[in-house]
Amino acid sequence: MQQKAQLIVTLIHDPKIMVVDEPFSSLDPINTQIVKDILLDKCKEGVAVVLCTHQMFHAEELCSRLVLIDKGKVMLYGGLDEIRHQFAKPEIIIKTGSVLPEKVKGVTDQLPENDHFRLKIENGVSAQAILKELVKQNIILEEFEIAVPSLDEIFIQVVQGGPG
């Protein structure tokens, strides 16, 4: 309730810039959605909304640009798509009811993950080439997507100093 009250007090002043710190803490799913809708509406109205959060899924859903600060130091800054592209690995995620052949041309490794497979792609091989190869081998695909790292994965990699 305190989060909603603080947001209402802020909105009364019709600000051009809003800084919201952990606006979803202690909110149930209904009130979380109400606050998200308010923040998105403010963005559409041209208000600059600065969202401070440790919950990366909220940042993925609401933010177009981000800055990651660790111990007072800017570790990462840029557009969401730009950052994801920077940390993307040559991998594809597929879901199929078919049995995958042991070897797929252009794929270096096949990792089962829950109800799908993560295919690691050879350097220089495109996702389209893998798709063509799977179709050529009569693999029926229910889903096919280029793997994109989550902000949680990127956050951990950047803060722990792993390769980027």
C-alpha atoms as a PDB file:
ATOM      1  CA  MET A   1       0.000   0.000   0.000  1.00  0.00           C
ATOM      2  CA  GLN A   2       2.893   2.348   0.803  1.00  0.00           C
ATOM      3  CA  GLN A   3       4.287   1.945  -2.734  1.00  0.00           C
ATOM      4  CA  LYS A   4       0.946   2.917  -4.279  1.00  0.00           C
ATOM      5  CA  ALA A   5       0.570   5.907  -1.953  1.00  0.00           C
ATOM      6  CA  GLN A   6       4.053   7.189  -2.875  1.00  0.00           C
ATOM      7  CA  LEU A   7       3.257   6.783  -6.563  1.00  0.00           C
ATOM      8  CA  ILE A   8      -0.027   8.691  -6.197  1.00  0.00           C
ATOM      9  CA  VAL A   9       1.734  11.544  -4.372  1.00  0.00           C
ATOM     10  CA  THR A  10       4.315  11.694  -7.175  1.00  0.00           C
ATOM     11  CA  LEU A  11       1.691  11.694  -9.929  1.00  0.00           C
ATOM     12  CA  ILE A  12      -0.278  14.575  -8.368  1.00  0.00           C
ATOM     13  CA  HIS A  13       2.578  16.931  -9.296  1.00  0.00           C
ATOM     14  CA  ASP A  14       2.472  15.894 -12.998  1.00  0.00           C
ATOM     15  CA  PRO A  15       6.261  15.434 -13.195  1.00  0.00           C
ATOM     16  CA  LYS A  16       8.317  15.414 -16.396  1.00  0.00           C
ATOM     17  CA  ILE A  17      10.786  13.004 -14.767  1.00  0.00           C
ATOM     18  CA  MET A  18       9.889  10.245 -12.319  1.00  0.00           C
ATOM     19  CA  VAL A  19      12.349   8.193 -10.298  1.00  0.00           C
ATOM     20  CA  VAL A  20      10.749   5.069  -8.858  1.00  0.00           C
ATOM     21  CA  ASP A  21      12.733   2.824  -6.542  1.00  0.00           C
ATOM     22  CA  GLU A  22      11.557  -0.808  -6.305  1.00  0.00           C
ATOM     23  CA  PRO A  23       7.941   0.194  -7.066  1.00  0.00           C
ATOM     24  CA  PHE A  24       6.699  -3.408  -7.060  1.00  0.00           C
ATOM     25  CA  SER A  25       7.983  -4.538  -3.679  1.00  0.00           C
ATOM     26  CA  SER A  26       5.232  -5.976  -1.466  1.00  0.00           C
ATOM     27  CA  LEU A  27       2.590  -5.672  -4.196  1.00  0.00           C
ATOM     28  CA  ASP A  28       0.276  -8.500  -5.189  1.00  0.00           C
ATOM     29  CA  PRO A  29      -0.023  -9.360  -8.915  1.00  0.00           C
ATOM     30  CA  ILE A  30      -3.092  -7.150  -9.470  1.00  0.00           C
ATOM     31  CA  ASN A  31      -1.480  -4.051  -7.952  1.00  0.00           C
ATOM     32  CA  THR A  32       1.813  -4.835  -9.704  1.00  0.00           C
ATOM     33  CA  GLN A  33      -0.043  -4.734 -13.029  1.00  0.00           C
ATOM     34  CA  ILE A  34      -1.772  -1.465 -12.088  1.00  0.00           C
ATOM     35  CA  VAL A  35       1.595   0.165 -11.309  1.00  0.00           C
ATOM     36  CA  LYS A  36       3.124  -1.205 -14.554  1.00  0.00           C
ATOM     37  CA  ASP A  37       0.217   0.229 -16.542  1.00  0.00           C
ATOM     38  CA  ILE A  38       0.633   3.629 -14.866  1.00  0.00           C
ATOM     39  CA  LEU A  39       4.377   3.697 -15.588  1.00  0.00           C
ATOM     40  CA  LEU A  40       3.864   2.671 -19.218  1.00  0.00           C
ATOM     41  CA  ASP A  41       1.155   5.323 -19.646  1.00  0.00           C
ATOM     42  CA  LYS A  42       3.501   7.972 -18.243  1.00  0.00           C
ATOM     43  CA  CYS A  43       6.204   6.893 -20.717  1.00  0.00           C
ATOM     44  CA  LYS A  44       3.708   7.207 -23.588  1.00  0.00           C
ATOM     45  CA  GLU A  45       2.920  10.739 -22.359  1.00  0.00           C
ATOM     46  CA  GLY A  46       6.612  11.619 -22.666  1.00  0.00           C
ATOM     47  CA  VAL A  47       7.527  11.416 -18.993  1.00  0.00           C
ATOM     48  CA  ALA A  48      11.053  10.115 -18.391  1.00  0.00           C
ATOM     49  CA  VAL A  49      10.671   7.234 -15.933  1.00  0.00           C
ATOM     50  CA  VAL A  50      13.777   6.018 -14.124  1.00  0.00           C
ATOM     51  CA  LEU A  51      13.116   2.583 -12.656  1.00  0.00           C
ATOM     52  CA  CYS A  52      15.465   1.293  -9.974  1.00  0.00           C
ATOM     53  CA  THR A  53      15.053  -2.455  -9.502  1.00  0.00           C
ATOM     54  CA  HIS A  54      16.848  -5.684  -8.735  1.00  0.00           C
ATOM     55  CA  GLN A  55      14.147  -7.668 -10.526  1.00  0.00           C
ATOM     56  CA  MET A  56      15.474  -7.921 -14.053  1.00  0.00           C
ATOM     57  CA  PHE A  57      12.213  -9.266 -15.487  1.00  0.00           C
ATOM     58  CA  HIS A  58      10.581  -5.908 -14.636  1.00  0.00           C
ATOM     59  CA  ALA A  59      13.385  -4.059 -16.426  1.00  0.00           C
ATOM     60  CA  GLU A  60      12.994  -6.360 -19.475  1.00  0.00           C
ATOM     61  CA  GLU A  61       9.278  -5.677 -19.587  1.00  0.00           C
ATOM     62  CA  LEU A  62       9.303  -1.924 -18.971  1.00  0.00           C
ATOM     63  CA  CYS A  63      12.634  -0.424 -20.017  1.00  0.00           C
ATOM     64  CA  SER A  64      14.043   0.545 -23.391  1.00  0.00           C
ATOM     65  CA  ARG A  65      17.444   1.640 -22.015  1.00  0.00           C
ATOM     66  CA  LEU A  66      19.292   0.483 -18.955  1.00  0.00           C
ATOM     67  CA  VAL A  67      22.268   1.139 -16.806  1.00  0.00           C
ATOM     68  CA  LEU A  68      23.713  -1.506 -14.518  1.00  0.00           C
ATOM     69  CA  ILE A  69      25.546  -0.089 -11.522  1.00  0.00           C
ATOM     70  CA  ASP A  70      27.618  -2.303  -9.231  1.00  0.00           C
ATOM     71  CA  LYS A  71      29.282  -0.850  -6.137  1.00  0.00           C
ATOM     72  CA  GLY A  72      28.849   2.670  -7.525  1.00  0.00           C
ATOM     73  CA  LYS A  73      30.451   1.862 -10.882  1.00  0.00           C
ATOM     74  CA  VAL A  74      28.595   1.864 -14.215  1.00  0.00           C
ATOM     75  CA  MET A  75      29.112  -1.639 -15.564  1.00  0.00           C
ATOM     76  CA  LEU A  76      26.727  -1.596 -18.516  1.00  0.00           C
ATOM     77  CA  TYR A  77      24.721   1.036 -20.374  1.00  0.00           C
ATOM     78  CA  GLY A  78      22.633   1.005 -23.529  1.00  0.00           C
ATOM     79  CA  GLY A  79      19.446  -0.027 -25.228  1.00  0.00           C
ATOM     80  CA  LEU A  80      17.897  -3.340 -24.212  1.00  0.00           C
ATOM     81  CA  ASP A  81      18.210  -4.894 -27.686  1.00  0.00           C
ATOM     82  CA  GLU A  82      21.753  -3.563 -28.102  1.00  0.00           C
ATOM     83  CA  ILE A  83      22.827  -5.107 -24.775  1.00  0.00           C
ATOM     84  CA  ARG A  84      21.171  -8.439 -25.544  1.00  0.00           C
ATOM     85  CA  HIS A  85      22.876  -8.531 -28.943  1.00  0.00           C
ATOM     86  CA  GLN A  86      26.227  -7.770 -27.310  1.00  0.00           C
ATOM     87  CA  PHE A  87      25.875 -10.796 -25.009  1.00  0.00           C
ATOM     88  CA  ALA A  88      24.143 -13.184 -27.434  1.00  0.00           C
ATOM     89  CA  LYS A  89      25.785 -16.509 -28.139  1.00  0.00           C
ATOM     90  CA  PRO A  90      25.399 -18.500 -31.360  1.00  0.00           C
ATOM     91  CA  GLU A  91      22.561 -20.675 -30.094  1.00  0.00           C
ATOM     92  CA  ILE A  92      19.062 -21.656 -31.177  1.00  0.00           C
ATOM     93  CA  ILE A  93      16.221 -22.995 -29.070  1.00  0.00           C
ATOM     94  CA  ILE A  94      13.878 -25.490 -30.690  1.00  0.00           C
ATOM     95  CA  LYS A  95      10.896 -27.513 -29.579  1.00  0.00           C
ATOM     96  CA  THR A  96      10.046 -30.630 -31.519  1.00  0.00           C
ATOM     97  CA  GLY A  97       8.080 -33.802 -31.130  1.00  0.00           C
ATOM     98  CA  SER A  98      10.584 -35.489 -33.432  1.00  0.00           C
ATOM     99  CA  VAL A  99      13.706 -37.313 -32.362  1.00  0.00           C
ATOM    100  CA  LEU A 100      16.720 -35.215 -33.251  1.00  0.00           C
ATOM    101  CA  PRO A 101      19.404 -36.928 -35.286  1.00  0.00           C
ATOM    102  CA  GLU A 102      22.706 -37.382 -33.489  1.00  0.00           C
ATOM    103  CA  LYS A 103      24.381 -34.953 -35.885  1.00  0.00           C
ATOM    104  CA  VAL A 104      22.891 -31.843 -37.467  1.00  0.00           C
ATOM    105  CA  LYS A 105      25.083 -30.031 -39.984  1.00  0.00           C
ATOM    106  CA  GLY A 106      26.259 -26.715 -38.479  1.00  0.00           C
ATOM    107  CA  VAL A 107      25.417 -27.684 -34.878  1.00  0.00           C
ATOM    108  CA  THR A 108      28.240 -28.373 -32.409  1.00  0.00           C
ATOM    109  CA  ASP A 109      26.122 -29.454 -29.443  1.00  0.00           C
ATOM    110  CA  GLN A 110      22.515 -30.350 -28.599  1.00  0.00           C
ATOM    111  CA  LEU A 111      21.494 -29.699 -25.010  1.00  0.00           C
ATOM    112  CA  PRO A 112      18.076 -30.888 -23.787  1.00  0.00           C
ATOM    113  CA  GLU A 113      16.385 -28.290 -21.546  1.00  0.00           C
ATOM    114  CA  ASN A 114      12.957 -29.160 -20.135  1.00  0.00           C
ATOM    115  CA  ASP A 115      10.661 -29.473 -23.172  1.00  0.00           C
ATOM    116  CA  HIS A 116      13.073 -28.029 -25.746  1.00  0.00           C
ATOM    117  CA  PHE A 117      16.643 -28.255 -27.050  1.00  0.00           C
ATOM    118  CA  ARG A 118      19.383 -25.642 -27.087  1.00  0.00           C
ATOM    119  CA  LEU A 119      21.483 -26.029 -30.229  1.00  0.00           C
ATOM    120  CA  LYS A 120      24.958 -24.509 -30.223  1.00  0.00           C
ATOM    121  CA  ILE A 121      25.892 -23.297 -33.698  1.00  0.00           C
ATOM    122  CA  GLU A 122      29.275 -23.461 -35.418  1.00  0.00           C
ATOM    123  CA  ASN A 123      30.954 -20.094 -36.025  1.00  0.00           C
ATOM    124  CA  GLY A 124      29.855 -18.560 -39.299  1.00  0.00           C
ATOM    125  CA  VAL A 125      26.702 -20.684 -39.617  1.00  0.00           C
ATOM    126  CA  SER A 126      23.399 -18.780 -39.693  1.00  0.00           C
ATOM    127  CA  ALA A 127      20.196 -19.661 -37.891  1.00  0.00           C
ATOM    128  CA  GLN A 128      18.514 -19.856 -41.296  1.00  0.00           C
ATOM    129  CA  ALA A 129      21.016 -22.518 -42.410  1.00  0.00           C
ATOM    130  CA  ILE A 130      20.199 -24.591 -39.317  1.00  0.00           C
ATOM    131  CA  LEU A 131      16.471 -24.189 -39.989  1.00  0.00           C
ATOM    132  CA  LYS A 132      16.936 -25.383 -43.568  1.00  0.00           C
ATOM    133  CA  GLU A 133      18.957 -28.381 -42.357  1.00  0.00           C
ATOM    134  CA  LEU A 134      16.326 -29.368 -39.796  1.00  0.00           C
ATOM    135  CA  VAL A 135      13.557 -29.136 -42.407  1.00  0.00           C
ATOM    136  CA  LYS A 136      15.704 -31.107 -44.860  1.00  0.00           C
ATOM    137  CA  GLN A 137      16.002 -33.875 -42.239  1.00  0.00           C
ATOM    138  CA  ASN A 138      12.196 -33.886 -41.772  1.00  0.00           C
ATOM    139  CA  ILE A 139      12.340 -32.575 -38.207  1.00  0.00           C
ATOM    140  CA  ILE A 140       8.917 -31.171 -37.341  1.00  0.00           C
ATOM    141  CA  LEU A 141       9.419 -27.948 -35.412  1.00  0.00           C
ATOM    142  CA  GLU A 142       6.876 -26.638 -32.935  1.00  0.00           C
ATOM    143  CA  GLU A 143       9.115 -23.706 -31.991  1.00  0.00           C
ATOM    144  CA  PHE A 144      12.320 -22.202 -33.416  1.00  0.00           C
ATOM    145  CA  GLU A 145      13.986 -19.148 -31.916  1.00  0.00           C
ATOM    146  CA  ILE A 146      17.372 -17.535 -31.748  1.00  0.00           C
ATOM    147  CA  ALA A 147      18.521 -17.721 -28.133  1.00  0.00           C
ATOM    148  CA  VAL A 148      18.616 -14.330 -26.445  1.00  0.00           C
ATOM    149  CA  PRO A 149      20.147 -14.016 -22.980  1.00  0.00           C
ATOM    150  CA  SER A 150      17.904 -12.793 -20.186  1.00  0.00           C
ATOM    151  CA  LEU A 151      18.872  -9.709 -18.208  1.00  0.00           C
ATOM    152  CA  ASP A 152      19.405 -12.000 -15.214  1.00  0.00           C
ATOM    153  CA  GLU A 153      22.035 -13.942 -17.192  1.00  0.00           C
ATOM    154  CA  ILE A 154      23.668 -10.720 -18.411  1.00  0.00           C
ATOM    155  CA  PHE A 155      23.612  -9.190 -14.913  1.00  0.00           C
ATOM    156  CA  ILE A 156      25.331 -12.242 -13.408  1.00  0.00           C
ATOM    157  CA  GLN A 157      27.930 -12.333 -16.172  1.00  0.00           C
ATOM    158  CA  VAL A 158      28.756  -8.621 -15.883  1.00  0.00           C
ATOM    159  CA  VAL A 159      28.842  -8.484 -12.072  1.00  0.00           C
ATOM    160  CA  GLN A 160      30.903 -11.678 -11.795  1.00  0.00           C
ATOM    161  CA  GLY A 161      33.255 -10.431 -14.503  1.00  0.00           C
ATOM    162  CA  GLY A 162      32.710 -13.269 -16.970  1.00  0.00           C
ATOM    163  CA  PRO A 163      33.333 -13.062 -20.718  1.00  0.00           C
ATOM    164  CA  GLY A 164      30.984 -10.780 -22.643  1.00  0.00           C
END
